[in-house]
Protein backbone atom coordinates (compact mmCIF):
# COMPACT_ATOMS: atom_id res chain seq x y z
CA UNK A 1 8.91 -6.80 -8.20
CA UNK A 2 6.01 -8.71 -9.72
CA UNK A 3 6.15 -12.50 -9.44
CA UNK A 4 4.63 -14.74 -12.12
CA UNK A 5 2.69 -17.91 -11.28
CA UNK A 6 2.49 -20.13 -14.37
CA UNK A 7 -0.72 -22.16 -14.16
CA UNK A 8 0.26 -24.26 -17.14
CA UNK A 9 2.98 -25.95 -15.07
CA UNK A 10 0.47 -27.39 -12.60
CA UNK A 11 -2.39 -29.86 -12.56
CA UNK A 12 -5.69 -27.94 -12.54
CA UNK A 13 -7.16 -30.39 -10.01
CA UNK A 14 -5.00 -29.00 -7.20
CA UNK A 15 -3.89 -25.67 -8.58
CA UNK A 16 -5.22 -23.74 -5.57
CA UNK A 17 -2.98 -25.77 -3.27
CA UNK A 18 -0.03 -25.23 -5.60
CA UNK A 19 -0.70 -21.49 -5.51
CA UNK A 20 -0.83 -21.49 -1.70
CA UNK A 21 2.52 -23.30 -1.58
CA UNK A 22 4.01 -20.80 -4.03
CA UNK A 23 2.85 -17.83 -1.93
CA UNK A 24 4.20 -19.46 1.25
CA UNK A 25 7.65 -20.00 -0.30
CA UNK A 26 8.05 -16.71 -2.19
CA UNK A 27 7.77 -13.08 -1.18
CA UNK A 28 5.13 -11.94 -3.64
CA UNK A 29 3.04 -8.92 -2.62
CA UNK A 30 2.45 -8.38 -6.35
CA UNK A 31 1.73 -11.46 -8.41
CA UNK A 32 0.55 -12.07 -11.97
CA UNK A 33 -1.32 -15.23 -12.97
CA UNK A 34 -2.22 -16.18 -16.54
CA UNK A 35 -5.54 -18.07 -16.54
CA UNK A 36 -6.27 -17.68 -20.24
CA UNK A 37 -6.19 -21.45 -20.85
CA UNK A 38 -8.55 -22.27 -17.99
CA UNK A 39 -12.31 -22.72 -18.42
CA UNK A 40 -14.72 -20.20 -16.88
CA UNK A 41 -15.76 -22.24 -13.84
CA UNK A 42 -12.23 -23.31 -12.86
CA UNK A 43 -10.85 -19.82 -13.45
CA UNK A 44 -13.51 -18.18 -11.29
CA UNK A 45 -12.99 -20.69 -8.49
CA UNK A 46 -9.22 -20.20 -8.61
CA UNK A 47 -9.48 -16.41 -8.73
CA UNK A 48 -11.78 -16.10 -5.74
CA UNK A 49 -9.95 -18.60 -3.53
CA UNK A 50 -6.46 -17.44 -4.46
CA UNK A 51 -7.31 -13.76 -4.21
CA UNK A 52 -8.62 -14.28 -0.68
CA UNK A 53 -5.54 -16.29 0.30
CA UNK A 54 -3.16 -13.75 -1.20
CA UNK A 55 -5.03 -10.91 0.55
CA UNK A 56 -4.71 -12.66 3.92
CA UNK A 57 -0.92 -12.63 3.55
CA UNK A 58 -0.53 -9.34 1.67
CA UNK A 59 -3.48 -7.01 2.45
CA UNK A 60 -1.80 -4.17 0.54
CA UNK A 61 -0.67 -6.41 -2.32
CA UNK A 62 -1.98 -6.87 -5.85
CA UNK A 63 -3.25 -10.09 -7.40
CA UNK A 64 -3.38 -9.65 -11.18
CA UNK A 65 -5.00 -12.24 -13.44
CA UNK A 66 -5.14 -12.51 -17.18
CA UNK A 67 -8.40 -14.19 -18.19
CA UNK A 68 -9.66 -15.32 -21.58
CA UNK A 69 -13.26 -14.26 -21.25
CA UNK A 70 -15.17 -11.07 -20.53
CA UNK A 71 -17.74 -13.33 -18.84
CA UNK A 72 -15.25 -14.07 -16.08
CA UNK A 73 -14.67 -10.36 -15.52
CA UNK A 74 -18.41 -9.74 -15.34
CA UNK A 75 -19.03 -12.57 -12.87
CA UNK A 76 -16.12 -11.59 -10.62
CA UNK A 77 -17.36 -7.97 -10.41
CA UNK A 78 -20.17 -9.24 -8.16
CA UNK A 79 -17.63 -10.08 -5.43
CA UNK A 80 -15.63 -7.67 -3.31
CA UNK A 81 -11.97 -8.32 -3.99
CA UNK A 82 -9.79 -5.42 -2.84
CA UNK A 83 -6.52 -6.80 -4.16
CA UNK A 84 -7.74 -8.23 -7.48
CA UNK A 85 -7.11 -6.79 -10.92
CA UNK A 86 -8.34 -8.61 -14.01
CA UNK A 87 -6.59 -7.97 -17.31
């Protein structure tokens, strides 16, 4: 079952910490995050940090992110992220 992490419910200043807490409390090997309202820099930072954290807990899991910009997809391609899927 895919879990949904709603970024709009949290303060962007500490969203990475909020995500870590969410993953600690919930069983979520597959998670979907909507980052379409986030700017490019914040979204990329969140994606890379959260993907790594999620992978450390669920190496066979999937971390799916909806992003607003093709630029984000192009920048993220430069990094190796086994569990990440950008939509």
